[in-house]
Every structure is written in C-alpha cells, then in structure tokens.
Amino acid sequence: NLSMMYNEVPFLERFAAAANDGFKAVEYLFPY
C-alpha cells in the first residue's frame, strides 16, 4: 500500500521501492 508504505520517498518513487523489495502488486488511496 503506497499511501502508507515507503513514505521515505515521494509517491512516484514508491513503485520502484516496492518492486525492489519483491512486491508484484500495489494499491493506494488515490491516484488523482
């Protein structure tokens, strides 16, 4: 969940951070 996890980096950088940790899927509150 990229709204709560990886808040160490800006939102658009959280996708790569999650993938680097082995996640294959993401969710979050809002993309707008």
PDB file of all heavy atoms in Angstrom:
ATOM      1  N   ASN A   1       0.853  -1.177   0.000  1.00  0.00           N
ATOM      2  CA  ASN A   1       0.000   0.000   0.000  1.00  0.00           C
ATOM      3  C   ASN A   1       0.895   1.235   0.000  1.00  0.00           C
ATOM      4  O   ASN A   1       1.529   1.557   1.002  1.00  0.00           O
ATOM      5  CB  ASN A   1      -0.928   0.003   1.216  1.00  0.00           C
ATOM      6  CG  ASN A   1      -1.941   1.126   1.151  1.00  0.00           C
ATOM      7  OD1 ASN A   1      -1.573   2.297   1.192  1.00  0.00           O
ATOM      8  ND2 ASN A   1      -3.211   0.786   1.024  1.00  0.00           N
ATOM      9  N   LEU A   2       0.930   1.924  -1.129  1.00  0.00           N
ATOM     10  CA  LEU A   2       1.894   3.006  -1.305  1.00  0.00           C
ATOM     11  C   LEU A   2       1.466   4.312  -0.666  1.00  0.00           C
ATOM     12  O   LEU A   2       2.221   5.283  -0.676  1.00  0.00           O
ATOM     13  CB  LEU A   2       2.168   3.215  -2.792  1.00  0.00           C
ATOM     14  CG  LEU A   2       2.730   2.003  -3.539  1.00  0.00           C
ATOM     15  CD1 LEU A   2       3.080   2.380  -4.971  1.00  0.00           C
ATOM     16  CD2 LEU A   2       3.939   1.410  -2.824  1.00  0.00           C
ATOM     17  N   SER A   3       0.272   4.347  -0.079  1.00  0.00           N
ATOM     18  CA  SER A   3      -0.106   5.525   0.701  1.00  0.00           C
ATOM     19  C   SER A   3       0.481   5.470   2.099  1.00  0.00           C
ATOM     20  O   SER A   3       0.749   6.512   2.703  1.00  0.00           O
ATOM     21  CB  SER A   3      -1.638   5.637   0.791  1.00  0.00           C
ATOM     22  OG  SER A   3      -2.197   5.880  -0.467  1.00  0.00           O
ATOM     23  N   MET A   4       0.691   4.262   2.606  1.00  0.00           N
ATOM     24  CA  MET A   4       1.207   4.102   3.963  1.00  0.00           C
ATOM     25  C   MET A   4       2.659   3.636   3.991  1.00  0.00           C
ATOM     26  O   MET A   4       3.410   4.010   4.897  1.00  0.00           O
ATOM     27  CB  MET A   4       0.323   3.133   4.745  1.00  0.00           C
ATOM     28  CG  MET A   4      -1.059   3.674   5.030  1.00  0.00           C
ATOM     29  SD  MET A   4      -1.880   2.719   6.323  1.00  0.00           S
ATOM     30  CE  MET A   4      -3.354   3.705   6.563  1.00  0.00           C
ATOM     31  N   MET A   5       3.056   2.831   3.032  1.00  0.00           N
ATOM     32  CA  MET A   5       4.413   2.294   2.997  1.00  0.00           C
ATOM     33  C   MET A   5       5.305   3.164   2.115  1.00  0.00           C
ATOM     34  O   MET A   5       4.830   3.890   1.250  1.00  0.00           O
ATOM     35  CB  MET A   5       4.393   0.856   2.475  1.00  0.00           C
ATOM     36  CG  MET A   5       3.498  -0.086   3.282  1.00  0.00           C
ATOM     37  SD  MET A   5       3.279  -1.705   2.511  1.00  0.00           S
ATOM     38  CE  MET A   5       4.892  -2.448   2.804  1.00  0.00           C
ATOM     39  N   TYR A   6       6.593   3.079   2.364  1.00  0.00           N
ATOM     40  CA  TYR A   6       7.615   3.773   1.560  1.00  0.00           C
ATOM     41  C   TYR A   6       7.439   5.289   1.583  1.00  0.00           C
ATOM     42  O   TYR A   6       7.756   5.980   0.612  1.00  0.00           O
ATOM     43  CB  TYR A   6       7.629   3.236   0.118  1.00  0.00           C
ATOM     44  CG  TYR A   6       7.928   1.757   0.059  1.00  0.00           C
ATOM     45  CD1 TYR A   6       6.904   0.839  -0.167  1.00  0.00           C
ATOM     46  CD2 TYR A   6       9.218   1.271   0.280  1.00  0.00           C
ATOM     47  CE1 TYR A   6       7.151  -0.525  -0.194  1.00  0.00           C
ATOM     48  CE2 TYR A   6       9.484  -0.090   0.255  1.00  0.00           C
ATOM     49  CZ  TYR A   6       8.443  -0.984   0.028  1.00  0.00           C
ATOM     50  OH  TYR A   6       8.702  -2.332   0.014  1.00  0.00           O
ATOM     51  N   ASN A   7       6.972   5.812   2.702  1.00  0.00           N
ATOM     52  CA  ASN A   7       6.842   7.261   2.823  1.00  0.00           C
ATOM     53  C   ASN A   7       8.198   7.958   2.935  1.00  0.00           C
ATOM     54  O   ASN A   7       8.260   9.189   3.018  1.00  0.00           O
ATOM     55  CB  ASN A   7       5.967   7.609   4.023  1.00  0.00           C
ATOM     56  CG  ASN A   7       4.485   7.561   3.684  1.00  0.00           C
ATOM     57  OD1 ASN A   7       3.762   8.528   3.903  1.00  0.00           O
ATOM     58  ND2 ASN A   7       4.012   6.446   3.137  1.00  0.00           N
ATOM     59  N   GLU A   8       9.273   7.175   2.916  1.00  0.00           N
ATOM     60  CA  GLU A   8      10.611   7.764   2.913  1.00  0.00           C
ATOM     61  C   GLU A   8      10.903   8.485   1.597  1.00  0.00           C
ATOM     62  O   GLU A   8      11.840   9.308   1.526  1.00  0.00           O
ATOM     63  CB  GLU A   8      11.670   6.667   3.126  1.00  0.00           C
ATOM     64  CG  GLU A   8      11.503   5.854   4.401  1.00  0.00           C
ATOM     65  CD  GLU A   8      10.667   4.586   4.201  1.00  0.00           C
ATOM     66  OE1 GLU A   8       9.815   4.546   3.277  1.00  0.00           O
ATOM     67  OE2 GLU A   8      10.862   3.640   4.981  1.00  0.00           O
ATOM     68  N   VAL A   9      10.149   8.161   0.555  1.00  0.00           N
ATOM     69  CA  VAL A   9      10.397   8.739  -0.761  1.00  0.00           C
ATOM     70  C   VAL A   9       9.094   9.302  -1.320  1.00  0.00           C
ATOM     71  O   VAL A   9       7.999   8.924  -0.877  1.00  0.00           O
ATOM     72  CB  VAL A   9      10.996   7.699  -1.738  1.00  0.00           C
ATOM     73  CG1 VAL A   9      12.361   7.244  -1.244  1.00  0.00           C
ATOM     74  CG2 VAL A   9      10.058   6.521  -1.920  1.00  0.00           C
ATOM     75  N   PRO A  10       9.149  10.201  -2.315  1.00  0.00           N
ATOM     76  CA  PRO A  10       7.929  10.735  -2.932  1.00  0.00           C
ATOM     77  C   PRO A  10       7.091   9.630  -3.573  1.00  0.00           C
ATOM     78  O   PRO A  10       7.610   8.559  -3.912  1.00  0.00           O
ATOM     79  CB  PRO A  10       8.463  11.712  -3.986  1.00  0.00           C
ATOM     80  CG  PRO A  10       9.832  12.076  -3.517  1.00  0.00           C
ATOM     81  CD  PRO A  10      10.371  10.851  -2.830  1.00  0.00           C
ATOM     82  N   PHE A  11       5.818   9.901  -3.766  1.00  0.00           N
ATOM     83  CA  PHE A  11       4.867   8.873  -4.193  1.00  0.00           C
ATOM     84  C   PHE A  11       5.323   8.123  -5.444  1.00  0.00           C
ATOM     85  O   PHE A  11       5.319   6.886  -5.461  1.00  0.00           O
ATOM     86  CB  PHE A  11       3.497   9.500  -4.437  1.00  0.00           C
ATOM     87  CG  PHE A  11       2.466   8.514  -4.911  1.00  0.00           C
ATOM     88  CD1 PHE A  11       1.919   7.578  -4.033  1.00  0.00           C
ATOM     89  CD2 PHE A  11       2.046   8.514  -6.229  1.00  0.00           C
ATOM     90  CE1 PHE A  11       0.969   6.656  -4.469  1.00  0.00           C
ATOM     91  CE2 PHE A  11       1.088   7.601  -6.673  1.00  0.00           C
ATOM     92  CZ  PHE A  11       0.555   6.672  -5.787  1.00  0.00           C
ATOM     93  N   LEU A  12       5.711   8.816  -6.483  1.00  0.00           N
ATOM     94  CA  LEU A  12       6.051   8.132  -7.733  1.00  0.00           C
ATOM     95  C   LEU A  12       7.315   7.280  -7.619  1.00  0.00           C
ATOM     96  O   LEU A  12       7.538   6.390  -8.446  1.00  0.00           O
ATOM     97  CB  LEU A  12       6.192   9.141  -8.870  1.00  0.00           C
ATOM     98  CG  LEU A  12       4.885   9.809  -9.319  1.00  0.00           C
ATOM     99  CD1 LEU A  12       5.160  10.826 -10.422  1.00  0.00           C
ATOM    100  CD2 LEU A  12       3.854   8.780  -9.785  1.00  0.00           C
ATOM    101  N   GLU A  13       8.134   7.516  -6.609  1.00  0.00           N
ATOM    102  CA  GLU A  13       9.321   6.689  -6.393  1.00  0.00           C
ATOM    103  C   GLU A  13       9.015   5.435  -5.573  1.00  0.00           C
ATOM    104  O   GLU A  13       9.862   4.536  -5.468  1.00  0.00           O
ATOM    105  CB  GLU A  13      10.410   7.511  -5.700  1.00  0.00           C
ATOM    106  CG  GLU A  13      10.924   8.679  -6.535  1.00  0.00           C
ATOM    107  CD  GLU A  13      11.966   9.506  -5.805  1.00  0.00           C
ATOM    108  OE1 GLU A  13      12.623   8.963  -4.887  1.00  0.00           O
ATOM    109  OE2 GLU A  13      12.130  10.693  -6.149  1.00  0.00           O
ATOM    110  N   ARG A  14       7.823   5.373  -5.006  1.00  0.00           N
ATOM    111  CA  ARG A  14       7.472   4.235  -4.155  1.00  0.00           C
ATOM    112  C   ARG A  14       7.239   2.959  -4.964  1.00  0.00           C
ATOM    113  O   ARG A  14       7.383   1.854  -4.445  1.00  0.00           O
ATOM    114  CB  ARG A  14       6.241   4.577  -3.307  1.00  0.00           C
ATOM    115  CG  ARG A  14       6.496   5.704  -2.327  1.00  0.00           C
ATOM    116  CD  ARG A  14       5.241   6.155  -1.607  1.00  0.00           C
ATOM    117  NE  ARG A  14       5.468   7.457  -0.973  1.00  0.00           N
ATOM    118  CZ  ARG A  14       4.539   8.191  -0.389  1.00  0.00           C
ATOM    119  NH1 ARG A  14       3.283   7.755  -0.357  1.00  0.00           N
ATOM    120  NH2 ARG A  14       4.839   9.351   0.150  1.00  0.00           N
ATOM    121  N   PHE A  15       6.880   3.098  -6.227  1.00  0.00           N
ATOM    122  CA  PHE A  15       6.658   1.928  -7.067  1.00  0.00           C
ATOM    123  C   PHE A  15       7.954   1.126  -7.212  1.00  0.00           C
ATOM    124  O   PHE A  15       7.967  -0.099  -7.034  1.00  0.00           O
ATOM    125  CB  PHE A  15       6.128   2.364  -8.440  1.00  0.00           C
ATOM    126  CG  PHE A  15       4.760   2.981  -8.399  1.00  0.00           C
ATOM    127  CD1 PHE A  15       4.596   4.319  -8.058  1.00  0.00           C
ATOM    128  CD2 PHE A  15       3.633   2.230  -8.701  1.00  0.00           C
ATOM    129  CE1 PHE A  15       3.329   4.900  -8.024  1.00  0.00           C
ATOM    130  CE2 PHE A  15       2.363   2.792  -8.663  1.00  0.00           C
ATOM    131  CZ  PHE A  15       2.209   4.128  -8.323  1.00  0.00           C
ATOM    132  N   ALA A  16       9.032   1.816  -7.536  1.00  0.00           N
ATOM    133  CA  ALA A  16      10.326   1.142  -7.669  1.00  0.00           C
ATOM    134  C   ALA A  16      10.788   0.573  -6.342  1.00  0.00           C
ATOM    135  O   ALA A  16      11.348  -0.536  -6.284  1.00  0.00           O
ATOM    136  CB  ALA A  16      11.364   2.115  -8.219  1.00  0.00           C
ATOM    137  N   ALA A  17      10.553   1.301  -5.255  1.00  0.00           N
ATOM    138  CA  ALA A  17      10.963   0.812  -3.933  1.00  0.00           C
ATOM    139  C   ALA A  17      10.237  -0.484  -3.590  1.00  0.00           C
ATOM    140  O   ALA A  17      10.841  -1.433  -3.069  1.00  0.00           O
ATOM    141  CB  ALA A  17      10.679   1.880  -2.880  1.00  0.00           C
ATOM    142  N   ALA A  18       8.935  -0.535  -3.888  1.00  0.00           N
ATOM    143  CA  ALA A  18       8.168  -1.756  -3.614  1.00  0.00           C
ATOM    144  C   ALA A  18       8.648  -2.911  -4.483  1.00  0.00           C
ATOM    145  O   ALA A  18       8.809  -4.046  -4.007  1.00  0.00           O
ATOM    146  CB  ALA A  18       6.683  -1.495  -3.845  1.00  0.00           C
ATOM    147  N   ALA A  19       8.894  -2.642  -5.759  1.00  0.00           N
ATOM    148  CA  ALA A  19       9.379  -3.693  -6.653  1.00  0.00           C
ATOM    149  C   ALA A  19      10.738  -4.210  -6.203  1.00  0.00           C
ATOM    150  O   ALA A  19      11.002  -5.420  -6.251  1.00  0.00           O
ATOM    151  CB  ALA A  19       9.448  -3.157  -8.078  1.00  0.00           C
ATOM    152  N   ASN A  20      11.598  -3.312  -5.745  1.00  0.00           N
ATOM    153  CA  ASN A  20      12.926  -3.728  -5.276  1.00  0.00           C
ATOM    154  C   ASN A  20      12.843  -4.647  -4.068  1.00  0.00           C
ATOM    155  O   ASN A  20      13.738  -5.465  -3.834  1.00  0.00           O
ATOM    156  CB  ASN A  20      13.774  -2.499  -4.935  1.00  0.00           C
ATOM    157  CG  ASN A  20      14.238  -1.747  -6.168  1.00  0.00           C
ATOM    158  OD1 ASN A  20      14.291  -2.311  -7.261  1.00  0.00           O
ATOM    159  ND2 ASN A  20      14.576  -0.479  -6.000  1.00  0.00           N
ATOM    160  N   ASP A  21      11.772  -4.526  -3.285  1.00  0.00           N
ATOM    161  CA  ASP A  21      11.585  -5.399  -2.127  1.00  0.00           C
ATOM    162  C   ASP A  21      10.815  -6.672  -2.476  1.00  0.00           C
ATOM    163  O   ASP A  21      10.487  -7.463  -1.577  1.00  0.00           O
ATOM    164  CB  ASP A  21      10.844  -4.643  -1.019  1.00  0.00           C
ATOM    165  CG  ASP A  21      11.778  -3.751  -0.214  1.00  0.00           C
ATOM    166  OD1 ASP A  21      12.989  -4.047  -0.162  1.00  0.00           O
ATOM    167  OD2 ASP A  21      11.292  -2.758   0.371  1.00  0.00           O
ATOM    168  N   GLY A  22      10.512  -6.869  -3.735  1.00  0.00           N
ATOM    169  CA  GLY A  22       9.885  -8.118  -4.163  1.00  0.00           C
ATOM    170  C   GLY A  22       8.388  -8.067  -4.350  1.00  0.00           C
ATOM    171  O   GLY A  22       7.780  -9.078  -4.723  1.00  0.00           O
ATOM    172  N   PHE A  23       7.761  -6.936  -4.112  1.00  0.00           N
ATOM    173  CA  PHE A  23       6.324  -6.841  -4.341  1.00  0.00           C
ATOM    174  C   PHE A  23       6.033  -6.898  -5.837  1.00  0.00           C
ATOM    175  O   PHE A  23       6.746  -6.322  -6.658  1.00  0.00           O
ATOM    176  CB  PHE A  23       5.767  -5.534  -3.756  1.00  0.00           C
ATOM    177  CG  PHE A  23       5.624  -5.536  -2.271  1.00  0.00           C
ATOM    178  CD1 PHE A  23       6.558  -4.887  -1.467  1.00  0.00           C
ATOM    179  CD2 PHE A  23       4.563  -6.190  -1.658  1.00  0.00           C
ATOM    180  CE1 PHE A  23       6.432  -4.881  -0.081  1.00  0.00           C
ATOM    181  CE2 PHE A  23       4.430  -6.189  -0.279  1.00  0.00           C
ATOM    182  CZ  PHE A  23       5.363  -5.538   0.518  1.00  0.00           C
ATOM    183  N   LYS A  24       4.939  -7.573  -6.175  1.00  0.00           N
ATOM    184  CA  LYS A  24       4.495  -7.673  -7.558  1.00  0.00           C
ATOM    185  C   LYS A  24       3.226  -6.871  -7.816  1.00  0.00           C
ATOM    186  O   LYS A  24       2.770  -6.791  -8.962  1.00  0.00           O
ATOM    187  CB  LYS A  24       4.241  -9.141  -7.917  1.00  0.00           C
ATOM    188  CG  LYS A  24       5.448 -10.050  -7.736  1.00  0.00           C
ATOM    189  CD  LYS A  24       6.608  -9.622  -8.626  1.00  0.00           C
ATOM    190  CE  LYS A  24       7.796 -10.578  -8.487  1.00  0.00           C
ATOM    191  NZ  LYS A  24       8.976 -10.095  -9.261  1.00  0.00           N
ATOM    192  N   ALA A  25       2.645  -6.306  -6.770  1.00  0.00           N
ATOM    193  CA  ALA A  25       1.388  -5.571  -6.905  1.00  0.00           C
ATOM    194  C   ALA A  25       1.343  -4.442  -5.893  1.00  0.00           C
ATOM    195  O   ALA A  25       2.004  -4.497  -4.849  1.00  0.00           O
ATOM    196  CB  ALA A  25       0.196  -6.504  -6.705  1.00  0.00           C
ATOM    197  N   VAL A  26       0.539  -3.424  -6.215  1.00  0.00           N
ATOM    198  CA  VAL A  26       0.407  -2.269  -5.329  1.00  0.00           C
ATOM    199  C   VAL A  26      -1.047  -1.814  -5.267  1.00  0.00           C
ATOM    200  O   VAL A  26      -1.861  -2.113  -6.142  1.00  0.00           O
ATOM    201  CB  VAL A  26       1.289  -1.075  -5.793  1.00  0.00           C
ATOM    202  CG1 VAL A  26       2.759  -1.427  -5.711  1.00  0.00           C
ATOM    203  CG2 VAL A  26       0.906  -0.623  -7.204  1.00  0.00           C
ATOM    204  N   GLU A  27      -1.333  -1.089  -4.200  1.00  0.00           N
ATOM    205  CA  GLU A  27      -2.592  -0.380  -4.028  1.00  0.00           C
ATOM    206  C   GLU A  27      -2.252   0.936  -3.342  1.00  0.00           C
ATOM    207  O   GLU A  27      -1.126   1.136  -2.894  1.00  0.00           O
ATOM    208  CB  GLU A  27      -3.570  -1.202  -3.171  1.00  0.00           C
ATOM    209  CG  GLU A  27      -3.051  -1.461  -1.756  1.00  0.00           C
ATOM    210  CD  GLU A  27      -4.046  -2.185  -0.866  1.00  0.00           C
ATOM    211  OE1 GLU A  27      -4.841  -2.984  -1.384  1.00  0.00           O
ATOM    212  OE2 GLU A  27      -4.013  -1.935   0.357  1.00  0.00           O
ATOM    213  N   TYR A  28      -3.209   1.835  -3.259  1.00  0.00           N
ATOM    214  CA  TYR A  28      -3.026   3.097  -2.538  1.00  0.00           C
ATOM    215  C   TYR A  28      -4.386   3.753  -2.443  1.00  0.00           C
ATOM    216  O   TYR A  28      -5.379   3.266  -3.012  1.00  0.00           O
ATOM    217  CB  TYR A  28      -2.019   4.022  -3.240  1.00  0.00           C
ATOM    218  CG  TYR A  28      -2.103   4.007  -4.741  1.00  0.00           C
ATOM    219  CD1 TYR A  28      -3.132   4.660  -5.407  1.00  0.00           C
ATOM    220  CD2 TYR A  28      -1.166   3.307  -5.497  1.00  0.00           C
ATOM    221  CE1 TYR A  28      -3.230   4.629  -6.783  1.00  0.00           C
ATOM    222  CE2 TYR A  28      -1.256   3.263  -6.881  1.00  0.00           C
ATOM    223  CZ  TYR A  28      -2.293   3.927  -7.519  1.00  0.00           C
ATOM    224  OH  TYR A  28      -2.392   3.882  -8.887  1.00  0.00           O
ATOM    225  N   LEU A  29      -4.459   4.875  -1.738  1.00  0.00           N
ATOM    226  CA  LEU A  29      -5.741   5.542  -1.567  1.00  0.00           C
ATOM    227  C   LEU A  29      -6.218   6.196  -2.858  1.00  0.00           C
ATOM    228  O   LEU A  29      -7.290   5.879  -3.368  1.00  0.00           O
ATOM    229  CB  LEU A  29      -5.649   6.578  -0.443  1.00  0.00           C
ATOM    230  CG  LEU A  29      -5.439   6.039   0.971  1.00  0.00           C
ATOM    231  CD1 LEU A  29      -5.341   7.192   1.965  1.00  0.00           C
ATOM    232  CD2 LEU A  29      -6.563   5.090   1.371  1.00  0.00           C
ATOM    233  N   PHE A  30      -5.426   7.125  -3.402  1.00  0.00           N
ATOM    234  CA  PHE A  30      -5.892   7.925  -4.537  1.00  0.00           C
ATOM    235  C   PHE A  30      -4.748   8.196  -5.511  1.00  0.00           C
ATOM    236  O   PHE A  30      -3.635   8.515  -5.086  1.00  0.00           O
ATOM    237  CB  PHE A  30      -6.437   9.281  -4.049  1.00  0.00           C
ATOM    238  CG  PHE A  30      -7.368   9.169  -2.873  1.00  0.00           C
ATOM    239  CD1 PHE A  30      -6.961   9.614  -1.614  1.00  0.00           C
ATOM    240  CD2 PHE A  30      -8.631   8.623  -3.001  1.00  0.00           C
ATOM    241  CE1 PHE A  30      -7.804   9.511  -0.515  1.00  0.00           C
ATOM    242  CE2 PHE A  30      -9.473   8.511  -1.920  1.00  0.00           C
ATOM    243  CZ  PHE A  30      -9.070   8.954  -0.670  1.00  0.00           C
ATOM    244  N   PRO A  31      -5.026   8.143  -6.814  1.00  0.00           N
ATOM    245  CA  PRO A  31      -4.011   8.478  -7.813  1.00  0.00           C
ATOM    246  C   PRO A  31      -4.184   9.859  -8.421  1.00  0.00           C
ATOM    247  O   PRO A  31      -3.405  10.254  -9.292  1.00  0.00           O
ATOM    248  CB  PRO A  31      -4.258   7.419  -8.896  1.00  0.00           C
ATOM    249  CG  PRO A  31      -5.757   7.243  -8.876  1.00  0.00           C
ATOM    250  CD  PRO A  31      -6.184   7.454  -7.423  1.00  0.00           C
ATOM    251  N   TYR A  32      -5.158  10.631  -7.986  1.00  0.00           N
ATOM    252  CA  TYR A  32      -5.644  11.766  -8.771  1.00  0.00           C
ATOM    253  C   TYR A  32      -4.735  12.993  -8.775  1.00  0.00           C
ATOM    254  O   TYR A  32      -4.972  13.933  -9.537  1.00  0.00           O
ATOM    255  CB  TYR A  32      -7.056  12.149  -8.306  1.00  0.00           C
ATOM    256  CG  TYR A  32      -7.974  10.949  -8.246  1.00  0.00           C
ATOM    257  CD1 TYR A  32      -8.446  10.476  -7.017  1.00  0.00           C
ATOM    258  CD2 TYR A  32      -8.316  10.259  -9.399  1.00  0.00           C
ATOM    259  CE1 TYR A  32      -9.259   9.354  -6.951  1.00  0.00           C
ATOM    260  CE2 TYR A  32      -9.124   9.139  -9.347  1.00  0.00           C
ATOM    261  CZ  TYR A  32      -9.599   8.684  -8.114  1.00  0.00           C
ATOM    262  OH  TYR A  32     -10.393   7.565  -8.055  1.00  0.00           O
TER     263      TYR A  32
END
